């Protein structure tokens, strides 16, 4: 996939600006070579550094930490989970 040079340039600018921010620094140890190589390929496809790529992916994963709080904030509709599963199975068997 070809990434336009302006997109690559914008990604490099964004990555360099992130480097100047007052952010936490993480050092990863014992990363298998094949994982590092795959991260390098993924980052290269987007025209960004491995660090910028990994930071973006880790940020997306870290949002999962908020999921339990989000679920607790949902209203209880009094729907029985077993009834939902039974209805789904019945719908599938009717196909």
Foldseek 3Di string as FASTA:
>chain_A
DDDDPVQLVVQAVVVVVVVPDPDDDDDDPPDDPVNVVVLCVVQVNRNHDSVSSVVVVVVVVVVVVCVVVVVVPDDDPVDDPVVVVVVVVVVVVVD
